[in-house]
C-alpha atoms as a PDB file:
ATOM      1  CA  MET A   1      15.298   7.507  11.474  1.00  0.00           C
ATOM      2  CA  LEU A   2      17.307   5.866   8.877  1.00  0.00           C
ATOM      3  CA  PRO A   3      16.133   2.056   9.565  1.00  0.00           C
ATOM      4  CA  ALA A   4      12.472   4.143   9.075  1.00  0.00           C
ATOM      5  CA  PHE A   5      13.438   5.558   5.648  1.00  0.00           C
ATOM      6  CA  LEU A   6      15.210   2.341   4.788  1.00  0.00           C
ATOM      7  CA  THR A   7      12.346  -0.168   5.386  1.00  0.00           C
ATOM      8  CA  GLY A   8       9.704   2.619   3.467  1.00  0.00           C
ATOM      9  CA  PHE A   9      11.989   2.439   0.344  1.00  0.00           C
ATOM     10  CA  PHE A  10      12.980  -1.218   0.259  1.00  0.00           C
ATOM     11  CA  LEU A  11       9.195  -2.074   1.203  1.00  0.00           C
ATOM     12  CA  GLY A  12       8.273   0.455  -1.780  1.00  0.00           C
ATOM     13  CA  LEU A  13      10.696  -0.641  -4.245  1.00  0.00           C
ATOM     14  CA  SER A  14       9.660  -4.507  -3.593  1.00  0.00           C
ATOM     15  CA  LEU A  15       6.050  -3.986  -4.026  1.00  0.00           C
ATOM     16  CA  ILE A  16       6.458  -1.602  -7.206  1.00  0.00           C
ATOM     17  CA  VAL A  17       9.373  -3.810  -9.197  1.00  0.00           C
ATOM     18  CA  ALA A  18       6.898  -6.505 -10.150  1.00  0.00           C
ATOM     19  CA  ILE A  19       6.169  -6.874 -13.606  1.00  0.00           C
ATOM     20  CA  GLY A  20       2.943  -5.333 -14.781  1.00  0.00           C
ATOM     21  CA  ALA A  21       0.720  -3.114 -17.202  1.00  0.00           C
ATOM     22  CA  GLN A  22       2.271   0.041 -15.605  1.00  0.00           C
ATOM     23  CA  ASN A  23       5.834  -0.754 -16.068  1.00  0.00           C
ATOM     24  CA  SER A  24       5.905  -2.476 -19.099  1.00  0.00           C
ATOM     25  CA  PHE A  25       4.440   0.488 -20.440  1.00  0.00           C
ATOM     26  CA  VAL A  26       7.141   3.006 -18.783  1.00  0.00           C
ATOM     27  CA  LEU A  27       9.487   0.284 -20.008  1.00  0.00           C
ATOM     28  CA  ARG A  28       8.249   0.567 -23.802  1.00  0.00           C
ATOM     29  CA  GLN A  29       8.339   4.595 -23.574  1.00  0.00           C
ATOM     30  CA  GLY A  30      11.969   4.613 -22.301  1.00  0.00           C
ATOM     31  CA  ILE A  31      13.058   1.902 -25.238  1.00  0.00           C
ATOM     32  CA  LEU A  32      11.113   4.254 -27.934  1.00  0.00           C
ATOM     33  CA  GLY A  33      12.407   7.425 -25.987  1.00  0.00           C
ATOM     34  CA  GLN A  34       8.974   8.830 -26.145  1.00  0.00           C
ATOM     35  CA  HIS A  35       7.822  11.230 -23.314  1.00  0.00           C
ATOM     36  CA  VAL A  36      10.189   9.317 -21.063  1.00  0.00           C
ATOM     37  CA  PHE A  37      10.946  12.055 -18.278  1.00  0.00           C
ATOM     38  CA  TYR A  38       6.673  12.888 -18.450  1.00  0.00           C
ATOM     39  CA  VAL A  39       5.712   9.429 -18.234  1.00  0.00           C
ATOM     40  CA  ALA A  40       8.266   8.370 -15.367  1.00  0.00           C
ATOM     41  CA  LEU A  41       7.529  11.945 -13.449  1.00  0.00           C
ATOM     42  CA  PHE A  42       3.386  11.187 -13.707  1.00  0.00           C
ATOM     43  CA  CYS A  43       3.962   7.564 -12.605  1.00  0.00           C
ATOM     44  CA  ALA A  44       6.490   8.456  -9.498  1.00  0.00           C
ATOM     45  CA  LEU A  45       4.412  11.790  -8.286  1.00  0.00           C
ATOM     46  CA  ALA A  46       1.186   8.917  -8.822  1.00  0.00           C
ATOM     47  CA  ASP A  47       2.634   6.684  -6.361  1.00  0.00           C
ATOM     48  CA  ALA A  48       4.226   9.224  -3.813  1.00  0.00           C
ATOM     49  CA  LEU A  49       0.519  10.934  -3.480  1.00  0.00           C
ATOM     50  CA  LEU A  50      -1.549   7.902  -3.011  1.00  0.00           C
ATOM     51  CA  ILE A  51       1.425   6.757  -0.465  1.00  0.00           C
ATOM     52  CA  SER A  52       0.984  10.074   1.442  1.00  0.00           C
ATOM     53  CA  ILE A  53      -2.780   9.746   1.602  1.00  0.00           C
ATOM     54  CA  GLY A  54      -2.404   6.281   2.818  1.00  0.00           C
ATOM     55  CA  VAL A  55       0.170   7.251   5.690  1.00  0.00           C
ATOM     56  CA  ALA A  56      -1.185  11.122   6.427  1.00  0.00           C
ATOM     57  CA  GLY A  57      -5.113   9.232   6.106  1.00  0.00           C
ATOM     58  CA  ILE A  58      -4.474   6.582   8.267  1.00  0.00           C
ATOM     59  CA  SER A  59      -2.853   8.402  10.803  1.00  0.00           C
ATOM     60  CA  LEU A  60      -5.275  10.976  11.107  1.00  0.00           C
ATOM     61  CA  PHE A  61      -8.648   9.217  11.069  1.00  0.00           C
ATOM     62  CA  LEU A  62      -7.463   6.179  12.328  1.00  0.00           C
ATOM     63  CA  ASN A  63      -4.949   6.403  14.549  1.00  0.00           C
ATOM     64  CA  ASN A  64      -7.026   5.229  18.004  1.00  0.00           C
ATOM     65  CA  ILE A  65      -8.666   2.020  15.963  1.00  0.00           C
ATOM     66  CA  ILE A  66      -5.154   1.108  14.634  1.00  0.00           C
ATOM     67  CA  ASN A  67      -3.578   1.463  18.173  1.00  0.00           C
ATOM     68  CA  GLN A  68      -6.387  -0.952  19.418  1.00  0.00           C
ATOM     69  CA  ILE A  69      -5.574  -3.126  16.810  1.00  0.00           C
ATOM     70  CA  SER A  70      -2.072  -2.701  15.993  1.00  0.00           C
ATOM     71  CA  ASN A  71      -0.981  -6.392  17.059  1.00  0.00           C
ATOM     72  CA  PHE A  72      -3.350  -7.689  14.291  1.00  0.00           C
ATOM     73  CA  LEU A  73      -2.872  -5.197  12.073  1.00  0.00           C
ATOM     74  CA  PHE A  74       0.929  -5.775  12.196  1.00  0.00           C
ATOM     75  CA  GLY A  75       0.199  -9.713  11.360  1.00  0.00           C
ATOM     76  CA  PHE A  76      -2.188  -8.585   8.834  1.00  0.00           C
ATOM     77  CA  SER A  77       0.707  -6.786   7.012  1.00  0.00           C
ATOM     78  CA  ALA A  78       2.936  -9.443   7.717  1.00  0.00           C
ATOM     79  CA  LEU A  79       0.832 -12.162   6.119  1.00  0.00           C
ATOM     80  CA  TRP A  80       0.524 -10.408   3.172  1.00  0.00           C
ATOM     81  CA  LEU A  81       3.876  -9.192   2.088  1.00  0.00           C
ATOM     82  CA  ALA A  82       4.671 -13.160   2.921  1.00  0.00           C
ATOM     83  CA  GLY A  83       2.123 -14.071   0.174  1.00  0.00           C
ATOM     84  CA  TYR A  84       4.060 -11.575  -1.825  1.00  0.00           C
ATOM     85  CA  GLY A  85       6.971 -13.044  -1.340  1.00  0.00           C
ATOM     86  CA  VAL A  86       5.695 -16.688  -2.103  1.00  0.00           C
ATOM     87  CA  LEU A  87       4.340 -15.466  -5.631  1.00  0.00           C
ATOM     88  CA  ARG A  88       7.743 -14.010  -6.166  1.00  0.00           C
ATOM     89  CA  LEU A  89       8.951 -17.075  -5.064  1.00  0.00           C
ATOM     90  CA  LYS A  90       6.966 -19.291  -7.181  1.00  0.00           C
ATOM     91  CA  ALA A  91       7.856 -17.366  -9.984  1.00  0.00           C
ATOM     92  CA  VAL A  92      11.560 -18.011  -9.838  1.00  0.00           C
ATOM     93  CA  PHE A  93      10.617 -21.363 -11.257  1.00  0.00           C
ATOM     94  CA  LYS A  94       8.882 -20.056 -14.083  1.00  0.00           C
ATOM     95  CA  ALA A  95      11.136 -19.786 -17.619  1.00  0.00           C
ATOM     96  CA  ASP A  96       8.432 -17.658 -19.321  1.00  0.00           C
ATOM     97  CA  THR A  97       8.552 -14.257 -17.867  1.00  0.00           C
ATOM     98  CA  LYS A  98       8.865 -11.610 -20.190  1.00  0.00           C
ATOM     99  CA  ILE A  99       7.750  -8.542 -21.577  1.00  0.00           C
ATOM    100  CA  GLU A 100       7.028  -7.473 -25.207  1.00  0.00           C
ATOM    101  CA  ILE A 101       7.433  -4.121 -26.711  1.00  0.00           C
ATOM    102  CA  ASP A 102       5.470  -3.077 -29.503  1.00  0.00           C
ATOM    103  CA  ALA A 103       7.325  -0.467 -31.259  1.00  0.00           C
ATOM    104  CA  SER A 104       4.201   1.273 -32.431  1.00  0.00           C
ATOM    105  CA  LYS A 105       3.978   5.093 -33.577  1.00  0.00           C
ATOM    106  CA  SER A 106       4.441   7.848 -31.514  1.00  0.00           C
ATOM    107  CA  LYS A 107       1.827   9.130 -29.738  1.00  0.00           C
ATOM    108  CA  GLY A 108       1.332  12.879 -28.380  1.00  0.00           C
ATOM    109  CA  LEU A 109       1.966  13.847 -24.685  1.00  0.00           C
ATOM    110  CA  ILE A 110      -1.468  14.047 -23.573  1.00  0.00           C
ATOM    111  CA  PRO A 111      -3.074  10.710 -25.078  1.00  0.00           C
ATOM    112  CA  THR A 112       0.570   8.929 -23.485  1.00  0.00           C
ATOM    113  CA  ILE A 113      -0.225  10.358 -20.178  1.00  0.00           C
ATOM    114  CA  SER A 114      -3.770   9.387 -20.187  1.00  0.00           C
ATOM    115  CA  ILE A 115      -2.797   5.915 -21.115  1.00  0.00           C
ATOM    116  CA  ALA A 116      -0.254   5.935 -17.668  1.00  0.00           C
ATOM    117  CA  ALA A 117      -2.796   7.430 -15.567  1.00  0.00           C
ATOM    118  CA  ILE A 118      -5.268   4.314 -16.772  1.00  0.00           C
ATOM    119  CA  LEU A 119      -2.765   1.862 -16.077  1.00  0.00           C
ATOM    120  CA  THR A 120      -1.865   3.318 -12.898  1.00  0.00           C
ATOM    121  CA  PHE A 121      -5.307   4.243 -11.208  1.00  0.00           C
ATOM    122  CA  ALA A 122      -7.751   1.619 -12.797  1.00  0.00           C
ATOM    123  CA  ASN A 123      -5.591  -1.026 -11.139  1.00  0.00           C
ATOM    124  CA  PRO A 124      -6.688  -1.903  -7.710  1.00  0.00           C
ATOM    125  CA  HIS A 125      -3.586  -3.530  -6.540  1.00  0.00           C
ATOM    126  CA  VAL A 126      -2.253   0.143  -6.546  1.00  0.00           C
ATOM    127  CA  TYR A 127      -4.695   1.328  -3.617  1.00  0.00           C
ATOM    128  CA  LEU A 128      -4.114  -1.729  -1.863  1.00  0.00           C
ATOM    129  CA  ASP A 129       0.132  -1.620  -1.942  1.00  0.00           C
ATOM    130  CA  THR A 130      -0.086   2.104  -1.408  1.00  0.00           C
ATOM    131  CA  MET A 131      -3.184   3.549   0.716  1.00  0.00           C
ATOM    132  CA  VAL A 132      -3.677   0.159   2.590  1.00  0.00           C
ATOM    133  CA  LEU A 133      -0.440  -1.603   3.065  1.00  0.00           C
ATOM    134  CA  ILE A 134       2.341   0.818   2.887  1.00  0.00           C
ATOM    135  CA  GLY A 135      -0.325   3.208   5.088  1.00  0.00           C
ATOM    136  CA  SER A 136      -0.873   0.292   7.877  1.00  0.00           C
ATOM    137  CA  ILE A 137       2.702  -0.430   8.066  1.00  0.00           C
ATOM    138  CA  SER A 138       3.983   2.996   8.436  1.00  0.00           C
ATOM    139  CA  GLN A 139       1.940   2.986  11.826  1.00  0.00           C
ATOM    140  CA  GLN A 140       5.036   1.398  13.582  1.00  0.00           C
ATOM    141  CA  PHE A 141       6.538   4.280  13.291  1.00  0.00           C
ATOM    142  CA  TYR A 142       6.149   7.538  15.156  1.00  0.00           C
ATOM    143  CA  GLY A 143       6.306  11.305  14.678  1.00  0.00           C
ATOM    144  CA  TYR A 144       9.193  11.617  12.260  1.00  0.00           C
ATOM    145  CA  TYR A 145      10.080   8.311  11.816  1.00  0.00           C
ATOM    146  CA  ARG A 146       6.704   7.783  10.360  1.00  0.00           C
ATOM    147  CA  ILE A 147       7.178  10.922   8.008  1.00  0.00           C
ATOM    148  CA  ALA A 148      10.827   9.038   7.311  1.00  0.00           C
ATOM    149  CA  PHE A 149       9.278   5.825   6.423  1.00  0.00           C
ATOM    150  CA  ALA A 150       6.989   8.017   4.252  1.00  0.00           C
ATOM    151  CA  LEU A 151       9.667   9.505   2.209  1.00  0.00           C
ATOM    152  CA  GLY A 152      11.324   6.413   1.650  1.00  0.00           C
ATOM    153  CA  ALA A 153       8.571   4.670   0.145  1.00  0.00           C
ATOM    154  CA  CYS A 154       8.179   7.317  -2.231  1.00  0.00           C
ATOM    155  CA  LEU A 155      11.676   8.219  -3.058  1.00  0.00           C
ATOM    156  CA  SER A 156      11.382   4.165  -4.241  1.00  0.00           C
ATOM    157  CA  SER A 157       8.966   5.552  -6.809  1.00  0.00           C
ATOM    158  CA  PHE A 158      11.144   7.772  -8.106  1.00  0.00           C
ATOM    159  CA  VAL A 159      14.091   5.741  -8.175  1.00  0.00           C
ATOM    160  CA  PHE A 160      12.448   3.260  -9.848  1.00  0.00           C
ATOM    161  CA  PHE A 161      10.710   4.509 -12.597  1.00  0.00           C
ATOM    162  CA  PHE A 162      13.389   6.768 -13.207  1.00  0.00           C
ATOM    163  CA  SER A 163      15.291   4.064 -13.295  1.00  0.00           C
ATOM    164  CA  LEU A 164      13.611   2.128 -15.478  1.00  0.00           C
ATOM    165  CA  ALA A 165      12.502   4.919 -17.778  1.00  0.00           C
ATOM    166  CA  TYR A 166      16.172   5.924 -18.350  1.00  0.00           C
ATOM    167  CA  GLY A 167      17.541   3.071 -18.168  1.00  0.00           C
ATOM    168  CA  ALA A 168      15.082   0.934 -20.933  1.00  0.00           C
ATOM    169  CA  ARG A 169      17.507   0.683 -23.793  1.00  0.00           C
ATOM    170  CA  LEU A 170      20.438  -0.789 -21.456  1.00  0.00           C
ATOM    171  CA  LEU A 171      17.954  -3.031 -19.515  1.00  0.00           C
ATOM    172  CA  GLN A 172      15.490  -4.348 -22.727  1.00  0.00           C
ATOM    173  CA  PRO A 173      18.091  -6.892 -23.808  1.00  0.00           C
ATOM    174  CA  ILE A 174      18.972  -8.277 -20.599  1.00  0.00           C
ATOM    175  CA  MET A 175      15.275  -8.612 -18.976  1.00  0.00           C
ATOM    176  CA  GLN A 176      14.431 -10.258 -22.374  1.00  0.00           C
ATOM    177  CA  ARG A 177      16.009 -13.279 -20.829  1.00  0.00           C
ATOM    178  CA  PRO A 178      13.852 -15.545 -18.376  1.00  0.00           C
ATOM    179  CA  SER A 179      17.018 -16.076 -15.926  1.00  0.00           C
ATOM    180  CA  SER A 180      17.190 -12.255 -15.465  1.00  0.00           C
ATOM    181  CA  TRP A 181      13.733 -12.022 -14.188  1.00  0.00           C
ATOM    182  CA  ARG A 182      13.789 -15.307 -11.998  1.00  0.00           C
ATOM    183  CA  ILE A 183      16.838 -13.273 -10.034  1.00  0.00           C
ATOM    184  CA  LEU A 184      14.847 -10.432  -9.643  1.00  0.00           C
ATOM    185  CA  ASP A 185      11.768 -12.311  -8.239  1.00  0.00           C
ATOM    186  CA  GLY A 186      14.235 -14.203  -6.392  1.00  0.00           C
ATOM    187  CA  LEU A 187      15.563 -10.842  -4.611  1.00  0.00           C
ATOM    188  CA  ILE A 188      11.763  -9.140  -3.991  1.00  0.00           C
ATOM    189  CA  ALA A 189      10.800 -12.471  -2.349  1.00  0.00           C
ATOM    190  CA  LEU A 190      13.967 -12.404   0.157  1.00  0.00           C
ATOM    191  CA  ILE A 191      13.186  -8.342   0.630  1.00  0.00           C
ATOM    192  CA  MET A 192       8.808  -8.950   1.153  1.00  0.00           C
ATOM    193  CA  PHE A 193       9.962 -11.783   3.726  1.00  0.00           C
ATOM    194  CA  THR A 194      12.561  -9.897   5.918  1.00  0.00           C
ATOM    195  CA  ILE A 195      10.040  -6.975   6.404  1.00  0.00           C
ATOM    196  CA  ALA A 196       7.052  -9.679   6.623  1.00  0.00           C
ATOM    197  CA  PHE A 197       9.423 -11.285   9.569  1.00  0.00           C
ATOM    198  CA  LYS A 198      10.064  -8.109  11.327  1.00  0.00           C
ATOM    199  CA  LEU A 199       6.260  -7.126  11.164  1.00  0.00           C
ATOM    200  CA  ALA A 200       5.396 -10.462  12.430  1.00  0.00           C
ATOM    201  CA  SER A 201       7.821  -9.416  15.474  1.00  0.00           C
ATOM    202  CA  ALA A 202       6.498  -6.071  15.976  1.00  0.00           C
ATOM    203  CA  GLY A 203       2.846  -7.473  16.239  1.00  0.00           C
ATOM    204  CA  ASN A 204       3.530  -9.929  18.646  1.00  0.00           C
ATOM    205  CA  TRP A 205       3.282 -12.967  16.393  1.00  0.00           C
ATOM    206  CA  LEU A 206       6.343 -14.714  16.947  1.00  0.00           C
END
């Protein structure tokens, strides 16, 4: 059960850690010290909800179909992850990656959460990553192992967002250096390639 949990955890972490508007917003709020807990909690809960829908929804409504096309599904997911890995690997060789922080005046809690909601749910990749990709990959596990996989993926969101939000003041000077992002992108690429290899093997593609 632990391997399933760790697979979900590291997969979720790899998908969520890349630079994006949502992560930049969470980092900004952490640096400014504005509604840090609520922003991190909202983003983590939103991810956990979408992951749960993906895992439970696909398992409940598409189980028979997925069993018939499982080899294709695992192969497709492996290619998808490998594609993400290639993008992260390309970012390793870029020297201009940075996060810009606009220290504007403080906003109320509701407007702040509204911005977080827009940055989260208006991004089509969040649905592809959580409901489709993580939901599809969960099909290689059964019973309690699938639950462990989903818990690992959900926990990665909580760990990431709360670490990013509360560690922002420490991370900000470090992550302004392009070399730091190259190291991070390299680690992400390695994790994605490793999981993609395992999926390709499970789908008899190798």
